[in-house]
Protein backbone atom coordinates (compact mmCIF):
# COMPACT_ATOMS: atom_id res chain seq x y z
CA MET A 1 48.74 -8.27 25.87
CA ARG A 2 47.56 -5.09 24.40
CA ARG A 3 49.26 -5.52 21.21
CA ARG A 4 47.52 -9.16 20.85
CA ARG A 5 44.02 -7.15 21.62
CA VAL A 6 44.95 -5.31 18.69
CA LEU A 7 45.59 -7.84 16.50
CA VAL A 8 42.36 -9.76 17.58
CA LEU A 9 40.09 -6.47 17.08
CA LEU A 10 41.79 -6.12 13.41
CA SER A 11 40.95 -9.49 12.54
CA ILE A 12 37.37 -9.03 13.80
CA PHE A 13 37.21 -5.93 11.63
CA LEU A 14 38.49 -7.46 8.54
CA LEU A 15 36.35 -10.67 8.93
CA CYS A 16 33.20 -8.37 9.25
CA ALA A 17 34.38 -6.29 6.20
CA ALA A 18 34.60 -9.76 4.22
CA ALA A 19 31.18 -10.99 5.80
CA LEU A 20 29.32 -7.66 4.62
CA GLY A 21 30.96 -7.87 1.20
CA ALA A 22 29.94 -11.31 0.93
CA LEU A 23 26.51 -10.48 1.62
CA ALA A 24 26.30 -7.65 -1.01
CA VAL A 25 27.62 -10.00 -3.61
CA THR A 26 25.41 -13.03 -2.64
CA ALA A 27 22.30 -10.83 -1.97
CA ASP A 28 19.11 -12.19 -3.70
CA ASP A 29 17.18 -10.13 -6.28
CA PRO A 30 14.46 -8.28 -4.37
CA VAL A 31 11.88 -10.02 -6.92
CA GLU A 32 13.68 -13.06 -7.48
CA ILE A 33 11.69 -15.04 -10.00
CA ASP A 34 10.88 -18.53 -8.66
CA GLY A 35 8.33 -19.59 -11.31
CA ASP A 36 7.85 -20.03 -14.75
CA GLU A 37 8.10 -16.36 -16.35
CA SER A 38 5.68 -17.78 -19.33
CA GLU A 39 2.82 -17.92 -16.81
CA ARG A 40 2.90 -14.18 -16.29
CA TYR A 41 -0.63 -12.48 -17.83
CA PRO A 42 0.54 -10.52 -20.59
CA GLY A 43 0.27 -6.52 -21.02
CA ASP A 44 1.65 -3.42 -19.36
CA THR A 45 0.84 -2.49 -15.61
CA LEU A 46 -0.53 0.95 -14.07
CA ILE A 47 1.45 1.59 -10.79
CA THR A 48 1.37 4.36 -8.36
CA VAL A 49 4.06 5.53 -5.80
CA GLN A 50 2.82 7.36 -2.74
CA SER A 51 6.33 8.95 -2.16
CA TYR A 52 9.94 8.19 -2.48
CA GLY A 53 12.41 7.81 0.24
CA TRP A 54 9.93 8.42 2.99
CA PHE A 55 6.32 8.92 3.77
CA GLY A 56 6.44 12.57 4.27
CA ASN A 57 7.92 13.41 1.08
CA HIS A 58 5.31 14.90 -1.51
CA ASN A 59 7.20 13.25 -4.49
CA GLY A 60 4.76 10.61 -5.65
CA ASP A 61 3.79 9.58 -9.19
CA ALA A 62 1.98 7.28 -11.56
CA PHE A 63 3.33 5.16 -14.21
CA ILE A 64 2.91 2.61 -16.65
CA VAL A 65 5.68 -0.13 -17.10
CA GLY A 66 5.85 -2.51 -20.03
CA GLU A 67 6.27 -6.52 -19.70
CA SER A 68 10.34 -6.04 -19.63
CA GLY A 69 9.58 -3.42 -16.74
CA GLU A 70 10.61 -0.26 -18.85
CA ARG A 71 8.28 2.79 -18.31
CA VAL A 72 6.36 3.75 -21.32
CA TRP A 73 4.35 6.68 -19.46
CA GLU A 74 4.36 8.53 -16.19
CA TYR A 75 2.92 11.36 -14.49
CA GLN A 76 4.35 13.25 -11.38
CA PRO A 77 1.95 16.24 -10.19
CA ASP A 78 3.94 18.69 -7.98
CA ASP A 79 4.29 18.30 -4.11
CA ALA A 80 1.82 15.44 -4.06
CA THR A 81 1.26 11.97 -2.49
CA VAL A 82 -0.21 9.86 -5.28
CA PHE A 83 -2.59 7.19 -4.26
CA ASP A 84 -5.07 5.36 -6.89
CA ALA A 85 -4.92 5.58 -10.82
CA GLU A 86 -7.11 3.83 -13.36
CA ILE A 87 -7.56 4.03 -16.91
CA VAL A 88 -10.76 5.57 -17.99
CA GLY A 89 -12.45 6.77 -21.42
CA ASP A 90 -10.32 6.04 -24.42
CA GLY A 91 -6.90 5.40 -22.48
CA ASN A 92 -6.52 8.68 -20.12
CA VAL A 93 -5.66 8.14 -16.67
CA MET A 94 -7.54 9.21 -13.59
CA VAL A 95 -5.20 9.74 -10.47
CA SER A 96 -6.17 10.59 -7.11
CA TYR A 97 -3.66 12.67 -4.84
CA GLY A 98 -3.02 15.04 -2.14
CA GLN A 99 -1.23 18.08 -2.80
CA ARG A 100 0.82 20.22 -0.32
CA ILE A 101 0.13 24.03 -0.65
CA PRO A 102 1.86 26.52 1.21
CA ALA A 103 -0.38 28.50 3.53
CA ALA A 104 0.03 31.72 1.90
CA ASP A 105 -1.43 29.90 -1.12
CA CYS A 106 -4.37 28.11 0.97
CA PRO A 107 -8.19 29.39 1.18
CA GLU A 108 -8.56 31.78 4.35
CA ALA A 109 -10.67 28.96 6.11
CA PHE A 110 -7.65 26.36 5.96
CA ARG A 111 -4.73 28.54 7.20
CA GLY A 112 -3.48 28.01 10.57
CA GLY A 113 -4.94 25.51 12.96
CA VAL A 114 -3.36 21.72 13.14
CA ALA A 115 -0.72 22.85 10.25
CA ASP A 116 0.24 26.45 10.26
CA ASP A 117 2.44 26.06 7.19
CA HIS A 118 0.41 24.27 4.55
CA CYS A 119 -3.08 22.74 3.73
CA ILE A 120 -3.85 19.97 1.35
CA ARG A 121 -5.61 20.41 -2.02
CA ASN A 122 -7.18 16.96 -2.88
CA VAL A 123 -7.33 16.37 -6.50
CA VAL A 124 -8.85 13.69 -8.62
CA GLU A 125 -7.73 14.29 -12.00
CA GLU A 126 -8.01 12.87 -15.30
CA VAL A 127 -4.85 13.49 -17.64
CA ASP A 128 -4.35 12.63 -21.24
CA ARG A 129 -2.12 9.93 -21.60
CA GLU A 130 -0.53 11.65 -24.67
CA THR A 131 0.23 14.91 -23.39
CA ASN A 132 -0.36 14.64 -19.69
CA GLU A 133 -2.52 17.69 -19.76
CA ARG A 134 -5.52 17.72 -17.39
CA VAL A 135 -8.79 16.84 -19.30
CA TRP A 136 -11.10 16.87 -16.03
CA ALA A 137 -10.40 17.47 -12.44
CA TYR A 138 -12.30 17.81 -9.15
CA THR A 139 -10.71 19.36 -6.04
CA TRP A 140 -11.21 20.27 -2.39
CA TYR A 141 -9.07 21.52 0.51
CA ASP A 142 -8.32 20.11 3.90
CA HIS A 143 -6.08 21.29 6.78
CA PHE A 144 -3.42 19.02 6.53
CA MET A 145 -1.87 16.14 4.67
CA SER A 146 -1.75 13.11 7.04
CA TYR A 147 -4.56 10.97 6.93
CA HIS A 148 -6.68 13.79 5.20
CA GLU A 149 -5.45 12.62 1.56
CA VAL A 150 -7.72 11.36 -0.99
CA HIS A 151 -6.98 7.63 -1.71
CA ASP A 152 -9.77 6.37 -4.26
CA ALA A 153 -11.79 7.42 -6.93
CA ASP A 154 -13.72 5.57 -9.86
CA ARG A 155 -15.25 6.42 -12.84
CA LEU A 156 -18.89 5.12 -12.89
CA ASP A 157 -20.46 3.80 -16.10
CA ASN A 158 -22.50 7.09 -16.51
CA GLY A 159 -19.58 9.16 -16.68
CA GLU A 160 -19.81 10.37 -13.31
CA THR A 161 -16.99 9.65 -10.46
CA VAL A 162 -17.28 8.39 -6.95
CA ILE A 163 -14.65 9.78 -4.54
CA ILE A 164 -13.90 8.10 -0.93
CA ASP A 165 -12.75 11.13 1.46
CA MET A 166 -11.15 10.12 4.61
CA GLY A 167 -10.54 13.69 5.78
CA LYS A 168 -14.30 14.46 5.94
CA HIS A 169 -15.34 10.81 6.58
CA ARG A 170 -17.70 10.64 3.52
CA THR A 171 -18.21 9.16 0.11
CA PHE A 172 -19.81 11.15 -2.71
CA ILE A 173 -20.26 11.07 -6.53
CA VAL A 174 -19.80 14.23 -8.79
CA ASP A 175 -20.87 14.72 -12.31
CA GLU A 176 -18.73 16.11 -15.22
CA SER A 177 -19.58 19.57 -13.96
CA GLY A 178 -18.51 19.14 -10.62
CA GLU A 179 -21.95 19.09 -8.63
CA VAL A 180 -22.31 16.52 -6.23
CA THR A 181 -25.09 14.30 -6.88
CA TRP A 182 -25.04 11.97 -3.89
CA GLU A 183 -23.25 12.07 -0.69
CA TRP A 184 -22.86 9.56 1.88
CA SER A 185 -21.54 10.46 5.88
CA ALA A 186 -19.82 8.23 7.95
CA THR A 187 -20.45 10.45 10.79
CA GLU A 188 -24.16 9.96 10.39
CA HIS A 189 -24.12 6.18 9.54
CA LEU A 190 -21.18 4.61 11.56
CA ASP A 191 -20.96 6.91 14.38
CA GLU A 192 -21.94 6.62 18.20
CA GLY A 193 -26.02 6.27 18.23
CA THR A 194 -26.25 4.38 14.88
CA GLU A 195 -27.17 0.91 14.18
CA PHE A 196 -23.87 -0.12 13.09
CA TRP A 197 -22.15 0.90 16.18
CA ALA A 198 -24.66 -0.79 18.49
CA SER A 199 -24.12 -4.06 16.42
CA HIS A 200 -20.37 -3.87 15.74
CA VAL A 201 -18.68 -1.33 18.15
CA GLU A 202 -20.52 -0.80 21.37
CA GLY A 203 -18.55 -1.46 24.27
CA THR A 204 -15.59 0.29 22.82
CA SER A 205 -14.13 3.49 23.70
CA ARG A 206 -13.83 6.62 20.99
CA GLU A 207 -10.26 6.46 21.65
CA ASP A 208 -10.09 2.77 20.47
CA HIS A 209 -11.13 4.49 17.02
CA HIS A 210 -8.73 7.14 16.64
CA TYR A 211 -11.20 10.02 17.72
CA THR A 212 -8.15 11.75 19.51
CA GLY A 213 -5.38 13.71 18.19
CA GLY A 214 -5.30 16.45 15.30
CA SER A 215 -6.32 14.08 12.44
CA GLN A 216 -9.28 12.77 13.77
CA ASP A 217 -8.63 9.74 11.73
CA TRP A 218 -11.60 7.65 13.11
CA THR A 219 -12.56 6.00 10.01
CA HIS A 220 -9.92 6.00 7.50
CA MET A 221 -12.08 5.32 4.36
CA ASN A 222 -9.53 4.26 1.89
CA ASP A 223 -11.34 2.51 -0.91
CA VAL A 224 -14.66 2.35 -2.99
CA ASP A 225 -16.15 0.02 -5.50
CA ARG A 226 -19.49 0.10 -7.12
CA LEU A 227 -20.90 -3.57 -7.20
CA ASP A 228 -23.14 -4.98 -9.99
CA ASN A 229 -26.23 -4.54 -7.85
CA GLY A 230 -25.62 -0.59 -7.87
CA ASN A 231 -24.74 -0.74 -4.11
CA PHE A 232 -20.94 0.58 -2.96
CA LEU A 233 -18.34 -1.62 -1.37
CA MET A 234 -16.24 0.78 1.20
CA SER A 235 -13.08 -0.12 3.19
CA ILE A 236 -13.33 1.42 6.28
CA ARG A 237 -9.41 0.91 7.48
CA ASN A 238 -9.81 1.68 11.06
CA PHE A 239 -13.04 -0.48 12.15
CA ASP A 240 -11.16 -3.47 10.14
CA VAL A 241 -14.19 -3.84 7.86
CA LEU A 242 -15.70 -3.51 4.69
CA ILE A 243 -19.43 -2.04 4.36
CA GLU A 244 -21.89 -2.37 1.43
CA VAL A 245 -24.05 0.76 1.37
CA ASP A 246 -27.15 0.92 -0.77
CA PRO A 247 -27.17 4.68 -2.30
CA GLU A 248 -30.94 4.50 -2.81
CA THR A 249 -31.51 4.33 0.90
CA ASP A 250 -27.97 5.11 2.50
CA ASP A 251 -28.28 1.55 4.58
CA THR A 252 -25.19 -0.41 5.42
CA VAL A 253 -26.61 -3.77 4.29
CA ARG A 254 -23.61 -5.77 4.76
CA VAL A 255 -20.57 -5.56 7.24
CA ILE A 256 -17.81 -8.05 6.12
CA GLY A 257 -15.26 -8.52 9.19
CA GLU A 258 -15.55 -7.40 12.69
CA PRO A 259 -14.26 -4.17 14.25
CA GLY A 260 -11.08 -5.16 16.27
CA ASN A 261 -10.83 -8.89 15.21
CA HIS A 262 -7.50 -8.78 13.48
CA SER A 263 -7.75 -12.37 12.91
CA ILE A 264 -9.92 -11.34 10.09
CA MET A 265 -8.48 -8.31 8.90
CA HIS A 266 -6.04 -5.73 10.32
CA GLU A 267 -6.16 -2.09 8.81
CA GLN A 268 -6.96 -3.38 5.38
CA HIS A 269 -6.73 -1.76 1.80
CA ASP A 270 -8.10 -2.07 -1.51
CA PRO A 271 -10.48 -5.09 -1.55
CA ASN A 272 -10.85 -6.84 -4.78
CA TYR A 273 -14.68 -8.11 -4.96
CA LEU A 274 -15.11 -11.30 -6.92
CA GLU A 275 -18.58 -10.74 -8.02
CA ALA A 276 -19.05 -13.99 -9.41
CA HIS A 277 -18.01 -15.81 -6.57
CA ASP A 278 -19.04 -13.65 -3.76
CA HIS A 279 -15.40 -13.79 -2.62
CA VAL A 280 -13.42 -10.82 -1.35
CA ILE A 281 -9.65 -10.60 -1.87
CA VAL A 282 -8.33 -8.25 0.86
CA SER A 283 -4.77 -6.80 1.16
CA ASP A 284 -4.69 -7.41 5.02
CA SER A 285 -1.84 -4.82 5.48
CA GLU A 286 -0.86 -5.20 9.07
CA ASN A 287 -1.11 -9.07 9.07
CA ASN A 288 1.32 -8.78 6.28
CA ARG A 289 -0.44 -10.86 3.98
CA ILE A 290 -3.22 -11.17 1.12
CA VAL A 291 -6.25 -13.15 2.12
CA GLU A 292 -9.28 -14.19 0.30
CA TYR A 293 -12.55 -14.89 1.95
CA ASP A 294 -15.89 -16.63 1.04
CA VAL A 295 -18.00 -13.51 2.24
CA ASP A 296 -21.27 -15.72 2.91
CA THR A 297 -19.41 -18.16 5.32
CA MET A 298 -16.20 -15.92 5.89
CA GLU A 299 -14.43 -19.04 5.44
CA GLU A 300 -10.49 -18.43 4.34
CA VAL A 301 -9.97 -19.94 0.95
CA TRP A 302 -6.73 -18.59 -0.19
CA ARG A 303 -3.69 -16.65 1.21
CA TYR A 304 -0.36 -15.29 0.31
CA GLU A 305 2.40 -14.13 2.89
CA GLY A 306 5.50 -14.19 1.14
CA THR A 307 7.65 -16.07 -1.50
CA GLY A 308 9.72 -18.16 1.15
CA PRO A 309 10.65 -18.74 4.52
CA GLY A 310 13.59 -15.71 4.58
CA SER A 311 12.62 -12.72 6.41
CA GLN A 312 13.27 -10.58 3.31
CA GLU A 313 10.79 -12.75 1.25
CA ARG A 314 7.89 -12.08 3.42
CA LEU A 315 5.18 -9.37 2.42
CA GLN A 316 5.30 -6.09 4.70
CA TRP A 317 2.09 -3.93 4.46
CA PRO A 318 0.77 -5.06 0.96
CA ARG A 319 -2.04 -2.38 0.11
CA ASP A 320 -3.46 -3.85 -3.44
CA ALA A 321 -4.01 -7.39 -4.74
CA ASP A 322 -5.80 -8.09 -7.80
CA ARG A 323 -6.98 -11.70 -9.10
CA LEU A 324 -6.00 -11.83 -12.96
CA PRO A 325 -7.98 -13.99 -15.57
CA ASN A 326 -5.17 -16.64 -15.57
CA GLY A 327 -5.48 -17.21 -11.57
CA ASN A 328 -2.15 -15.19 -10.90
CA THR A 329 -2.71 -12.47 -8.39
CA LEU A 330 -0.86 -9.11 -8.76
CA ILE A 331 0.38 -7.55 -5.64
CA ALA A 332 1.70 -4.19 -4.41
CA ASP A 333 4.13 -4.89 -1.50
CA SER A 334 4.36 -1.21 -0.07
CA ARG A 335 7.34 -1.67 2.56
CA ARG A 336 9.23 -3.77 0.28
CA PHE A 337 8.97 -1.15 -2.55
CA ARG A 338 8.11 -3.92 -5.27
CA VAL A 339 5.24 -5.12 -7.29
CA ILE A 340 5.03 -9.01 -7.69
CA GLU A 341 2.55 -11.28 -9.57
CA VAL A 342 2.31 -14.79 -8.39
CA ASN A 343 0.81 -17.93 -9.42
CA GLU A 344 -1.78 -19.95 -7.71
CA THR A 345 0.70 -21.80 -5.69
CA GLY A 346 2.36 -18.61 -4.59
CA SER A 347 5.59 -18.84 -7.06
CA VAL A 348 6.77 -15.07 -8.38
CA VAL A 349 6.42 -15.04 -12.08
CA TRP A 350 7.10 -11.40 -12.70
CA GLY A 351 8.01 -8.54 -10.78
CA HIS A 352 8.98 -4.79 -10.56
CA ASP A 353 11.28 -3.39 -7.66
CA LEU A 354 11.48 0.40 -6.82
CA GLY A 355 13.97 -0.69 -3.68
CA ASP A 356 16.92 1.61 -4.79
CA GLU A 357 14.64 4.59 -5.14
CA ARG A 358 12.42 3.47 -1.77
CA GLY A 359 9.27 3.93 -3.66
CA ILE A 360 6.51 3.20 -1.39
CA ILE A 361 4.13 1.68 -3.81
CA TYR A 362 0.22 2.11 -3.34
CA ASP A 363 -1.59 0.83 -6.03
CA VAL A 364 -1.34 -1.65 -9.01
CA ASP A 365 -3.63 -2.29 -11.98
CA PRO A 366 -3.18 -5.15 -14.52
CA LEU A 367 -3.91 -3.42 -18.07
CA GLY A 368 -3.83 -6.56 -20.32
CA PRO A 369 -2.32 -7.17 -23.66
CA ASN A 370 -4.84 -4.64 -25.31
CA ARG A 371 -5.29 -2.46 -22.20
CA GLU A 372 -8.70 -4.21 -22.24
CA LEU A 373 -8.92 -4.94 -18.23
CA SER A 374 -10.95 -3.02 -16.08
CA GLU A 375 -9.40 -1.96 -12.69
CA GLU A 376 -10.62 -5.13 -11.16
CA PRO A 377 -11.03 -7.82 -13.55
CA GLU A 378 -14.04 -9.67 -14.00
CA ALA A 379 -14.47 -13.68 -14.88
CA VAL A 380 -11.46 -14.50 -12.82
CA PRO A 381 -11.24 -17.85 -10.78
CA ALA A 382 -11.69 -18.03 -7.23
CA GLY A 383 -9.32 -19.00 -4.42
CA ASP A 384 -10.89 -22.45 -3.94
CA GLU A 385 -10.41 -23.35 -7.50
CA LEU A 386 -6.81 -22.77 -7.02
CA ASP A 387 -3.95 -25.26 -5.39
CA GLY A 388 -2.92 -22.62 -2.64
CA THR A 389 0.28 -21.01 -2.17
CA ASN A 390 3.58 -22.50 -1.09
CA TYR A 391 4.55 -20.21 1.62
CA SER A 392 5.56 -22.25 4.72
CA GLY A 393 6.52 -19.82 7.21
CA GLY A 394 9.78 -20.28 9.18
CA VAL A 395 10.93 -16.77 10.26
CA SER A 396 9.76 -14.35 12.90
CA GLU A 397 7.28 -11.74 11.81
CA ARG A 398 9.27 -9.25 14.00
CA ALA A 399 12.45 -9.87 11.95
CA ALA A 400 10.52 -9.34 8.79
CA PHE A 401 9.02 -5.99 10.07
CA ALA A 402 12.32 -4.86 11.42
CA GLU A 403 14.04 -5.64 8.12
CA SER A 404 11.35 -3.83 5.89
CA TRP A 405 11.72 -0.64 8.02
CA LEU A 406 15.72 -0.75 7.76
CA GLY A 407 14.87 -0.73 4.00
CA PHE A 408 14.35 2.85 4.31
CA VAL A 409 17.78 3.93 5.61
CA LEU A 410 19.91 0.78 4.66
CA PRO A 411 20.27 -0.95 1.10
CA GLN A 412 18.10 -3.82 1.13
CA TRP A 413 20.58 -6.53 0.82
CA VAL A 414 21.85 -5.41 4.44
CA GLY A 415 18.94 -6.98 6.58
CA LEU A 416 19.43 -8.00 10.01
CA PRO A 417 22.47 -10.12 9.46
CA GLY A 418 24.21 -7.35 7.87
CA VAL A 419 23.09 -4.82 10.92
CA ALA A 420 24.58 -7.57 13.09
CA VAL A 421 27.82 -7.35 11.01
CA ILE A 422 28.03 -3.79 10.79
CA ALA A 423 27.56 -3.57 14.58
CA ALA A 424 30.60 -5.85 15.41
CA MET A 425 32.68 -3.70 12.69
CA VAL A 426 31.87 -0.63 14.64
CA ALA A 427 32.49 -2.23 18.12
CA SER A 428 35.94 -3.52 16.88
CA LEU A 429 36.68 -0.50 15.18
CA LEU A 430 36.09 1.46 18.40
CA GLY A 431 38.41 -0.85 20.38
CA LEU A 432 41.09 -0.47 17.85
CA VAL A 433 40.80 3.11 18.58
CA TRP A 434 40.96 3.03 22.36
CA GLU A 435 43.85 0.48 22.06
CA GLY A 436 45.52 2.64 19.75
CA ILE A 437 44.98 5.70 21.94
CA TRP A 438 46.15 3.72 25.27
CA LEU A 439 49.55 2.65 23.31
CA TYR A 440 50.29 6.18 22.03
CA ARG A 441 49.99 7.56 25.53
CA ASN A 442 51.80 4.68 27.50
CA GLU A 443 54.74 3.72 25.32
């Protein structure tokens, strides 16, 4: 009887090993091209990686890939988590990042407290793309890394730079000399006692909006763009809204979304405002989708959730999406470690995968064949002019969520089926060991 059990357990182990091998051999490419590659918008692509391996690692970078996926430029600041990057001037690159600084090298005011071993130096830096030498920079310190890093900065037409600062809950403009020429405070304009709070937040507690804890991450302001009318569109992630602010009066003149209504947005990133259509494309991160709204009516006009019904094909925590002049959409799929370009029906026509390095992609910008495109291209079609996407659902969102986190510790091809097979292998192996010990002691 014991020997029969050993044979059964051995058979289960061998079958599981064969199944695991089959999963590895037959695994789909992390970026499976299911559309016509000739539909890809031509040109290079600028990509930033927050970090490689895990969120707490300070090893991010910015790079440009050519159409075949090879790196043609790269820049990695020391001990940094990297967020936004954009082409400025005659081809220089401006990069926004948080740099971890040992406590001994921090200014006195930023030593100790929440983090006693380090502080953060936030850096908005323009580098010469030919030499990677610093051309210009604006820096400031904060107490620690998590939720206090700078996520976005844009060069304005007059040569000044607008920066959004989540650690201090502010948006501000600096000139070339580093002088602050305008500053807007979320504490002054969004907090309790303001018209915004009374109209959009009243009735909720401060704890609902991350007032507690060391980070005081109650706004998580993560993106700013200047609109054609001179106003600024800001993403206030932890309120699930975008706001339009008039810099002449500092008034909030428009709110897009509704605090706490996660059916519209849930902790969004990097909105792409289509000026000509009064539409906004939102990387609706916690809802794991890209969604486009008619801002006037808040009608959903286009959506993308993934390349197919399989759990590994679904978006997981996308944080950037740009509509391209040909109607395609370029997407940073952060927890799938990939960039994909999809056509109007949602078929993938190009991609760039960093799954082997577990590169947590934050920002992606199309540069165009002559590097002529702005950070968010203008004169692009709106979603209601397109056919709509081909995603049909069919898999549990929880399964997709679990597999995306497993990707940090296991090869992407393993997935939940592979985890089940590995569990069966371990169980059968433990059974074999137990039976072997019993036979050894009793025969």
